[in-house]
Amino acid sequence: MPHPQSSRRWFIYSAVALVFAGGVWYFGFRAEAPKSGGGSYFRSSKSNAQPVPVKAEAAQPRDLSVHLRAIGTVVPLNIVTVRSRVDGQLLRVPFSEGQEVTAGQLLAEIDPLPYQLRLTQMEGQLRLSESQLRTVRSDLERFKVLHAQTLISPQQLEAQQALVAEREGALATAQAQVEDARRQLAYTKVEAPIAGRLGLRQVDAGNIVRAGDAGGMVVITQTRPISVMFTIPEMELQKVVEPLRAGEQLVVEAWDRNEGVVLATGSLKTVDNQIDLATGTLRLKAEFANADEKLFPNQFVNVRLRVRTLKAALVIPSVAVQYGSRGTYVYVVNAENKATVRDIVLGPSDGAQQSITKGLQSGDVVVLEGLDRLREGRTVSVVSDDPAKAAHAPGGEGAAKGDGAKKKKKKE
């Protein structure tokens, strides 16, 4: 015989379960019911009759540029660390950090006095050597006359000729020393070897600088023009090499990190002479005029290399393309304002735009937004940010107005 307390407990559990089941049924039934009165409580038949608002666009033929995409690094054509070529005290530094300079512009001046004195000394030595050479040459002429008269021996004449050659060598050495002293004096004025933009100053006026200083005085970076280094996969090699060898100029665009702004447009200059075995990629270099200096050394950019242009290709927005077990397809809005599934074959793409080689014709309207609520034969209503575009699209406001007028006329 069951215990009375146990029977009461089972009765309470059963009552709670019945209340819960009734609540689920009641609220579920209310959720299925339409908001407005009348009609069936089942939503499926009503929802099928209501048009689904979608955004759509017609497929149109136009020229489509085919690009190879890569990530590149901005690399200056030239980088020079300006160093002193002589030792001495730095008298002045007549440049500003970040300044743009031209080739040959004065950047620093080292105390020239020690080198001026050495030049004067070498010039004096040169004049002495010239005087000594004139003397021995005059003696050689007299020795030749005396030797012709057999008044001196051949050995004395040969000795004088050797002395002349020795003085000529001393004169050449003195001339070289003068040129070296003059060159050392010129090095006291440090000039920019290339045109570019200066970095931060590494040494201040008043310090002693030496030719062996590793840090140098300042770094000059050439920013106009500038280059971008990037890589492409080995399988894309022929797309680049063939037009490049044919003499075509391949256009290269440098975009920012978000690929929202074109920073600069240039051209492909060269490709590397071998493929990297470790990565299976080939390095390429593009050059940009960079007149506005939007490209900065060591900056990372997104690169688009235009390898060819498809003429009059049938193009639709890439967001319209759907992928499934049946392959690639799109939803097309037909003349009856209904969505139909159309299998397509894709061609080259340019990111936002996709070319279609089979499955569509020019003027076919493909659905861009609202795809999650569509199925074969579903009635649609095309909406657009552009009222004129929506009015002329199948299923748009213009079509809706036309249908309404027809119904009204029929009713009358």
Protein backbone atom coordinates (compact mmCIF):
# COMPACT_ATOMS: atom_id res chain seq x y z
CA MET A 1 0.00 0.00 0.00
CA PRO A 2 1.59 3.35 -1.05
CA HIS A 3 2.43 5.80 1.62
CA PRO A 4 -0.02 8.79 1.83
CA GLN A 5 2.81 11.34 1.81
CA SER A 6 4.34 9.81 -1.33
CA SER A 7 0.97 9.92 -3.14
CA ARG A 8 0.55 13.56 -2.24
CA ARG A 9 4.02 14.36 -3.61
CA TRP A 10 3.27 12.68 -6.95
CA PHE A 11 -0.01 14.56 -7.16
CA ILE A 12 1.77 17.91 -6.71
CA TYR A 13 4.38 16.99 -9.38
CA SER A 14 1.67 16.03 -11.83
CA ALA A 15 -0.21 19.28 -11.24
CA VAL A 16 2.93 21.39 -11.83
CA ALA A 17 3.68 19.49 -15.04
CA LEU A 18 0.16 20.05 -16.34
CA VAL A 19 0.34 23.78 -15.58
CA PHE A 20 3.71 24.07 -17.36
CA ALA A 21 2.48 22.18 -20.42
CA GLY A 22 -0.61 24.35 -20.57
CA GLY A 23 1.46 27.53 -20.43
CA VAL A 24 3.74 26.34 -23.21
CA TRP A 25 0.77 25.46 -25.40
CA TYR A 26 -1.05 28.72 -24.68
CA PHE A 27 1.86 31.10 -25.34
CA GLY A 28 3.02 29.07 -28.34
CA PHE A 29 -0.47 29.25 -29.78
CA ARG A 30 -0.56 33.02 -29.22
CA ALA A 31 2.84 33.43 -30.92
CA GLU A 32 1.60 31.55 -33.99
CA ALA A 33 -1.53 33.66 -34.22
CA PRO A 34 -1.47 36.70 -36.58
CA LYS A 35 -1.31 40.16 -35.01
CA SER A 36 -4.44 41.35 -36.78
CA GLY A 37 -7.76 39.64 -36.36
CA GLY A 38 -9.31 37.32 -38.90
CA GLY A 39 -7.84 34.50 -40.91
CA SER A 40 -6.04 31.35 -39.86
CA TYR A 41 -3.74 31.12 -36.87
CA PHE A 42 -1.09 29.47 -38.97
CA ARG A 43 1.34 31.98 -40.34
CA SER A 44 2.81 30.05 -43.21
CA SER A 45 0.11 30.75 -45.77
CA LYS A 46 -0.03 34.47 -44.94
CA SER A 47 3.74 34.97 -44.81
CA ASN A 48 4.17 33.35 -48.20
CA ALA A 49 1.82 35.90 -49.71
CA GLN A 50 3.67 38.91 -48.28
CA PRO A 51 6.53 40.21 -50.48
CA VAL A 52 10.02 40.02 -48.97
CA PRO A 53 11.85 43.36 -49.12
CA VAL A 54 15.23 42.94 -50.83
CA LYS A 55 17.92 45.02 -52.42
CA ALA A 56 18.82 44.08 -55.97
CA GLU A 57 20.94 45.22 -58.88
CA ALA A 58 21.00 44.42 -62.57
CA ALA A 59 23.91 42.58 -64.16
CA GLN A 60 25.66 44.89 -66.61
CA PRO A 61 28.55 44.50 -69.06
CA ARG A 62 31.54 46.69 -68.32
CA ASP A 63 35.34 46.62 -68.27
CA LEU A 64 36.67 44.75 -65.24
CA SER A 65 40.25 45.11 -64.05
CA VAL A 66 41.80 41.89 -62.78
CA HIS A 67 44.18 42.41 -59.87
CA LEU A 68 46.61 40.33 -57.87
CA ARG A 69 46.47 41.24 -54.19
CA ALA A 70 49.40 41.18 -51.79
CA ILE A 71 50.77 42.81 -48.66
CA GLY A 72 53.76 45.06 -49.30
CA THR A 73 56.32 47.11 -47.43
CA VAL A 74 57.31 50.63 -48.42
CA VAL A 75 61.06 50.73 -49.05
CA PRO A 76 63.05 53.90 -49.88
CA LEU A 77 65.08 53.81 -53.07
CA ASN A 78 68.09 55.18 -51.15
CA ILE A 79 68.99 55.52 -47.47
CA VAL A 80 72.24 57.28 -46.51
CA THR A 81 73.78 57.69 -43.07
CA VAL A 82 75.73 60.95 -43.21
CA ARG A 83 79.10 60.58 -41.46
CA SER A 84 82.10 62.83 -41.12
CA ARG A 85 85.07 61.91 -43.32
CA VAL A 86 87.57 63.85 -41.17
CA ASP A 87 88.15 64.33 -37.45
CA GLY A 88 87.53 67.64 -35.74
CA GLN A 89 85.23 69.86 -33.73
CA LEU A 90 81.74 70.36 -35.12
CA LEU A 91 81.25 74.11 -35.49
CA ARG A 92 77.63 74.25 -36.69
CA VAL A 93 74.78 72.09 -37.87
CA PRO A 94 72.64 74.24 -40.22
CA PHE A 95 69.70 71.89 -40.73
CA SER A 96 66.42 71.04 -38.99
CA GLU A 97 65.25 67.57 -38.11
CA GLY A 98 62.75 66.27 -40.63
CA GLN A 99 63.81 68.86 -43.21
CA GLU A 100 63.77 68.00 -46.90
CA VAL A 101 67.17 68.58 -48.47
CA THR A 102 68.65 68.52 -51.95
CA ALA A 103 71.86 66.85 -53.09
CA GLY A 104 74.89 69.03 -52.24
CA GLN A 105 73.13 71.02 -49.51
CA LEU A 106 75.34 71.91 -46.51
CA LEU A 107 74.51 69.83 -43.45
CA ALA A 108 77.42 70.43 -41.05
CA GLU A 109 80.73 72.29 -40.79
CA ILE A 110 83.85 71.02 -39.01
CA ASP A 111 86.68 73.28 -37.82
CA PRO A 112 88.76 73.76 -41.03
CA LEU A 113 91.84 75.44 -39.48
CA PRO A 114 94.04 72.31 -39.01
CA TYR A 115 93.34 71.22 -42.58
CA GLN A 116 93.96 74.70 -43.97
CA LEU A 117 97.38 74.73 -42.29
CA ARG A 118 98.23 71.31 -43.67
CA LEU A 119 97.24 72.46 -47.16
CA THR A 120 99.53 75.49 -46.87
CA GLN A 121 102.36 73.23 -45.73
CA MET A 122 101.88 70.84 -48.63
CA GLU A 123 101.74 73.71 -51.13
CA GLY A 124 105.10 74.95 -49.79
CA GLN A 125 106.59 71.49 -50.18
CA LEU A 126 105.28 71.42 -53.74
CA ARG A 127 107.00 74.68 -54.63
CA LEU A 128 110.26 73.37 -53.14
CA SER A 129 110.03 70.19 -55.21
CA GLU A 130 109.36 72.20 -58.38
CA SER A 131 112.45 74.38 -57.72
CA GLN A 132 114.68 71.38 -57.09
CA LEU A 133 113.45 69.72 -60.28
CA ARG A 134 114.26 72.81 -62.36
CA THR A 135 117.79 72.88 -60.94
CA VAL A 136 118.59 69.24 -61.66
CA ARG A 137 117.14 69.52 -65.15
CA SER A 138 119.44 72.49 -65.90
CA ASP A 139 122.41 70.50 -64.60
CA LEU A 140 121.40 67.57 -66.81
CA GLU A 141 121.53 69.78 -69.93
CA ARG A 142 125.08 70.91 -69.03
CA PHE A 143 126.12 67.32 -68.31
CA LYS A 144 124.94 66.30 -71.78
CA VAL A 145 127.14 69.01 -73.39
CA LEU A 146 130.15 67.99 -71.32
CA HIS A 147 129.59 64.33 -72.10
CA ALA A 148 129.51 65.13 -75.82
CA GLN A 149 132.89 66.80 -75.40
CA THR A 150 134.14 63.75 -73.47
CA LEU A 151 134.79 65.96 -70.44
CA ILE A 152 132.75 63.76 -68.06
CA SER A 153 132.24 60.05 -67.86
CA PRO A 154 129.05 58.27 -68.88
CA GLN A 155 128.55 57.28 -65.25
CA GLN A 156 128.28 60.95 -64.20
CA LEU A 157 125.67 61.63 -66.90
CA GLU A 158 123.61 58.59 -65.83
CA ALA A 159 123.77 59.73 -62.18
CA GLN A 160 122.43 63.14 -63.13
CA GLN A 161 119.61 61.57 -65.17
CA ALA A 162 118.68 59.43 -62.15
CA LEU A 163 118.66 62.53 -59.95
CA VAL A 164 116.24 64.24 -62.34
CA ALA A 165 113.93 61.20 -62.23
CA GLU A 166 114.11 61.25 -58.43
CA ARG A 167 113.14 64.95 -58.31
CA GLU A 168 110.27 64.28 -60.71
CA GLY A 169 108.98 61.58 -58.36
CA ALA A 170 109.28 63.92 -55.39
CA LEU A 171 107.32 66.55 -57.33
CA ALA A 172 104.53 64.06 -58.11
CA THR A 173 104.37 63.09 -54.43
CA ALA A 174 104.16 66.74 -53.40
CA GLN A 175 101.36 67.35 -55.90
CA ALA A 176 99.43 64.36 -54.54
CA GLN A 177 99.88 65.60 -50.98
CA VAL A 178 98.51 69.01 -51.96
CA GLU A 179 95.45 67.39 -53.57
CA ASP A 180 94.91 65.22 -50.49
CA ALA A 181 95.17 68.25 -48.17
CA ARG A 182 92.75 70.16 -50.38
CA ARG A 183 90.34 67.20 -50.30
CA GLN A 184 90.59 66.92 -46.51
CA LEU A 185 89.81 70.62 -46.24
CA ALA A 186 86.74 70.20 -48.45
CA TYR A 187 85.51 67.38 -46.21
CA THR A 188 85.16 69.83 -43.33
CA LYS A 189 81.93 70.91 -45.02
CA VAL A 190 79.54 67.96 -44.84
CA GLU A 191 77.06 68.02 -47.72
CA ALA A 192 74.00 65.91 -48.48
CA PRO A 193 74.97 63.12 -50.93
CA ILE A 194 71.35 62.60 -52.09
CA ALA A 195 68.05 64.44 -52.01
CA GLY A 196 65.59 63.28 -49.37
CA ARG A 197 64.17 63.86 -45.93
CA LEU A 198 66.35 64.09 -42.84
CA GLY A 199 65.80 62.06 -39.69
CA LEU A 200 66.72 62.95 -36.12
CA ARG A 201 70.07 64.66 -35.47
CA GLN A 202 72.60 62.33 -33.85
CA VAL A 203 75.25 64.90 -32.80
CA ASP A 204 75.19 68.54 -31.73
CA ALA A 205 77.52 71.44 -32.50
CA GLY A 206 80.59 71.66 -30.25
CA ASN A 207 81.23 67.91 -30.12
CA ILE A 208 84.30 66.22 -31.55
CA VAL A 209 83.37 64.03 -34.50
CA ARG A 210 85.50 61.32 -36.03
CA ALA A 211 85.49 59.55 -39.36
CA GLY A 212 84.88 56.19 -37.68
CA ASP A 213 81.72 57.18 -35.78
CA ALA A 214 79.16 54.43 -36.40
CA GLY A 215 76.04 56.45 -35.62
CA GLY A 216 76.84 59.25 -38.03
CA MET A 217 75.31 62.72 -37.89
CA VAL A 218 71.90 62.15 -39.50
CA VAL A 219 70.11 59.72 -41.83
CA ILE A 220 68.73 60.86 -45.20
CA THR A 221 65.84 58.84 -46.63
CA GLN A 222 64.74 59.32 -50.22
CA THR A 223 60.94 59.51 -50.25
CA ARG A 224 60.25 60.86 -53.76
CA PRO A 225 60.14 58.55 -55.61
CA ILE A 226 59.73 55.55 -53.34
CA SER A 227 59.27 51.82 -53.87
CA VAL A 228 57.09 49.05 -52.46
CA MET A 229 58.29 45.46 -52.09
CA PHE A 230 55.73 42.63 -52.18
CA THR A 231 55.47 38.96 -53.10
CA ILE A 232 53.14 36.89 -55.26
CA PRO A 233 52.61 33.10 -55.28
CA GLU A 234 54.55 31.01 -57.76
CA MET A 235 51.32 30.01 -59.56
CA GLU A 236 50.65 33.65 -60.48
CA LEU A 237 54.11 34.12 -62.02
CA GLN A 238 53.13 33.95 -65.70
CA LYS A 239 50.32 36.48 -65.23
CA VAL A 240 52.99 39.03 -64.35
CA VAL A 241 56.06 37.99 -66.31
CA GLU A 242 54.39 37.63 -69.73
CA PRO A 243 52.99 41.19 -69.99
CA LEU A 244 56.10 42.61 -68.34
CA ARG A 245 58.40 41.00 -70.93
CA ALA A 246 56.06 42.17 -73.67
CA GLY A 247 56.79 45.74 -72.61
CA GLU A 248 53.47 46.48 -70.94
CA GLN A 249 53.40 48.82 -67.97
CA LEU A 250 51.55 47.10 -65.13
CA VAL A 251 49.72 49.49 -62.83
CA VAL A 252 50.15 49.00 -59.09
CA GLU A 253 47.95 50.56 -56.42
CA ALA A 254 48.95 50.97 -52.76
CA TRP A 255 45.97 50.91 -50.36
CA ASP A 256 45.82 51.56 -46.64
CA ARG A 257 45.45 48.74 -44.08
CA ASN A 258 41.64 48.74 -44.28
CA GLU A 259 41.68 48.85 -48.10
CA GLY A 260 39.46 51.90 -47.98
CA VAL A 261 41.77 54.56 -49.44
CA VAL A 262 44.20 54.47 -52.36
CA LEU A 263 47.42 55.98 -51.03
CA ALA A 264 49.34 56.05 -54.31
CA THR A 265 49.38 54.69 -57.85
CA GLY A 266 52.58 53.58 -59.54
CA SER A 267 53.98 50.94 -61.86
CA LEU A 268 55.78 47.62 -61.57
CA LYS A 269 59.53 48.10 -62.08
CA THR A 270 61.10 44.68 -61.77
CA VAL A 271 60.81 41.13 -60.45
CA ASP A 272 63.38 39.07 -58.61
CA ASN A 273 65.50 36.61 -60.58
CA GLN A 274 64.51 33.55 -58.55
CA ILE A 275 61.66 32.08 -56.53
CA ASP A 276 62.07 31.72 -52.78
CA LEU A 277 62.17 27.96 -52.14
CA ALA A 278 61.08 28.34 -48.52
CA THR A 279 57.85 30.21 -49.30
CA GLY A 280 57.23 29.48 -52.99
CA THR A 281 56.83 33.18 -53.71
CA LEU A 282 58.49 35.72 -56.00
CA ARG A 283 59.49 39.21 -54.89
CA LEU A 284 58.42 42.23 -56.94
CA LYS A 285 59.24 45.91 -56.72
CA ALA A 286 56.90 48.74 -57.70
CA GLU A 287 57.83 52.42 -57.86
CA PHE A 288 55.63 55.38 -56.91
CA ALA A 289 56.19 59.08 -57.51
CA ASN A 290 54.87 59.76 -53.99
CA ALA A 291 54.59 63.49 -54.64
CA ASP A 292 52.32 63.97 -51.61
CA GLU A 293 54.45 61.59 -49.47
CA LYS A 294 51.50 59.47 -48.36
CA LEU A 295 53.78 56.45 -48.51
CA PHE A 296 56.16 56.35 -45.54
CA PRO A 297 59.30 54.19 -45.26
CA ASN A 298 58.66 50.76 -43.67
CA GLN A 299 54.89 51.27 -43.87
CA PHE A 300 52.73 48.18 -44.52
CA VAL A 301 50.28 48.60 -47.40
CA ASN A 302 47.85 46.46 -49.36
CA VAL A 303 49.00 46.10 -52.95
CA ARG A 304 46.80 45.59 -56.00
CA LEU A 305 48.68 44.68 -59.17
CA ARG A 306 46.56 45.05 -62.31
CA VAL A 307 47.52 42.20 -64.63
CA ARG A 308 44.78 42.55 -67.26
CA THR A 309 41.42 44.15 -68.08
CA LEU A 310 38.38 42.18 -69.21
CA LYS A 311 36.48 44.10 -71.87
CA ALA A 312 32.66 44.19 -71.64
CA ALA A 313 32.50 41.48 -68.99
CA LEU A 314 29.11 40.71 -67.40
CA VAL A 315 29.55 41.94 -63.82
CA ILE A 316 27.48 41.71 -60.63
CA PRO A 317 28.30 42.63 -57.01
CA SER A 318 30.18 39.85 -55.25
CA VAL A 319 27.72 39.83 -52.32
CA ALA A 320 25.03 38.43 -54.61
CA VAL A 321 26.93 35.17 -55.19
CA GLN A 322 25.80 32.27 -52.99
CA TYR A 323 27.66 29.02 -52.34
CA GLY A 324 25.99 25.71 -51.56
CA SER A 325 25.91 22.00 -52.29
CA ARG A 326 24.61 22.75 -55.78
CA GLY A 327 27.60 25.04 -56.46
CA THR A 328 27.51 28.78 -57.05
CA TYR A 329 24.16 30.43 -57.66
CA VAL A 330 22.25 33.70 -57.35
CA TYR A 331 18.66 34.73 -56.76
CA VAL A 332 17.20 36.49 -59.78
CA VAL A 333 14.04 38.64 -59.65
CA ASN A 334 11.88 37.71 -62.63
CA ALA A 335 9.16 39.73 -64.38
CA GLU A 336 6.53 38.38 -61.93
CA ASN A 337 8.46 39.84 -58.94
CA LYS A 338 9.43 36.38 -57.76
CA ALA A 339 12.85 35.11 -56.77
CA THR A 340 14.25 32.24 -58.78
CA VAL A 341 17.49 30.37 -58.24
CA ARG A 342 19.98 30.61 -61.12
CA ASP A 343 23.17 28.50 -61.29
CA ILE A 344 26.16 30.51 -62.51
CA VAL A 345 29.80 30.04 -63.49
CA LEU A 346 32.20 32.56 -61.98
CA GLY A 347 34.94 34.40 -63.84
CA PRO A 348 37.68 36.66 -62.51
CA SER A 349 36.79 38.87 -59.54
CA ASP A 350 37.92 42.29 -58.38
CA GLY A 351 36.88 42.02 -54.78
CA ALA A 352 33.61 43.97 -54.75
CA GLN A 353 32.72 43.01 -58.34
CA GLN A 354 32.39 39.50 -59.78
CA SER A 355 32.35 38.60 -63.47
CA ILE A 356 29.96 35.88 -64.66
CA THR A 357 30.85 33.68 -67.62
CA LYS A 358 27.67 31.56 -67.71
CA GLY A 359 24.17 31.61 -66.21
CA LEU A 360 23.20 35.28 -66.46
CA GLN A 361 22.38 37.79 -69.15
CA SER A 362 22.73 41.53 -69.25
CA GLY A 363 19.85 43.15 -67.38
CA ASP A 364 19.08 40.22 -65.09
CA VAL A 365 18.32 41.60 -61.61
CA VAL A 366 20.15 39.74 -58.84
CA VAL A 367 19.36 40.01 -55.13
CA LEU A 368 22.02 41.56 -52.90
CA GLU A 369 20.35 41.79 -49.46
CA GLY A 370 17.52 39.84 -47.87
CA LEU A 371 18.82 36.50 -49.13
CA ASP A 372 18.24 34.70 -45.83
CA ARG A 373 14.44 34.89 -46.24
CA LEU A 374 14.31 33.81 -49.87
CA ARG A 375 13.49 30.52 -51.54
CA GLU A 376 12.41 29.48 -54.99
CA GLY A 377 9.25 31.29 -56.10
CA ARG A 378 9.06 33.69 -53.15
CA THR A 379 7.47 37.07 -53.97
CA VAL A 380 9.86 39.99 -53.40
CA SER A 381 9.68 43.77 -53.23
CA VAL A 382 12.83 45.57 -54.38
CA VAL A 383 13.87 48.49 -52.20
CA SER A 384 16.77 50.81 -52.88
CA ASP A 385 18.48 53.88 -51.47
CA ASP A 386 17.97 55.46 -54.87
CA PRO A 387 14.21 56.02 -55.46
CA ALA A 388 14.67 56.21 -59.24
CA LYS A 389 16.46 52.88 -59.26
CA ALA A 390 13.80 51.26 -57.07
CA ALA A 391 10.96 52.58 -59.24
CA HIS A 392 12.30 50.90 -62.38
CA ALA A 393 13.44 47.63 -60.80
CA PRO A 394 11.22 44.49 -61.00
CA GLY A 395 9.18 44.31 -57.82
CA GLY A 396 10.08 47.89 -56.89
CA GLU A 397 7.91 50.83 -55.94
CA GLY A 398 7.10 51.57 -59.58
CA ALA A 399 6.04 47.99 -60.14
CA ALA A 400 4.01 48.00 -56.94
CA LYS A 401 2.19 51.18 -58.00
CA GLY A 402 1.49 49.67 -61.41
CA ASP A 403 0.06 46.51 -59.84
CA GLY A 404 -2.09 48.59 -57.51
CA ALA A 405 -3.46 50.62 -60.41
CA LYS A 406 -4.28 47.47 -62.35
CA LYS A 407 -6.14 45.99 -59.38
CA LYS A 408 -8.05 49.20 -58.81
CA LYS A 409 -9.05 49.39 -62.46
CA LYS A 410 -10.16 45.77 -62.41
CA LYS A 411 -12.22 46.37 -59.30
CA GLU A 412 -14.00 49.32 -60.92
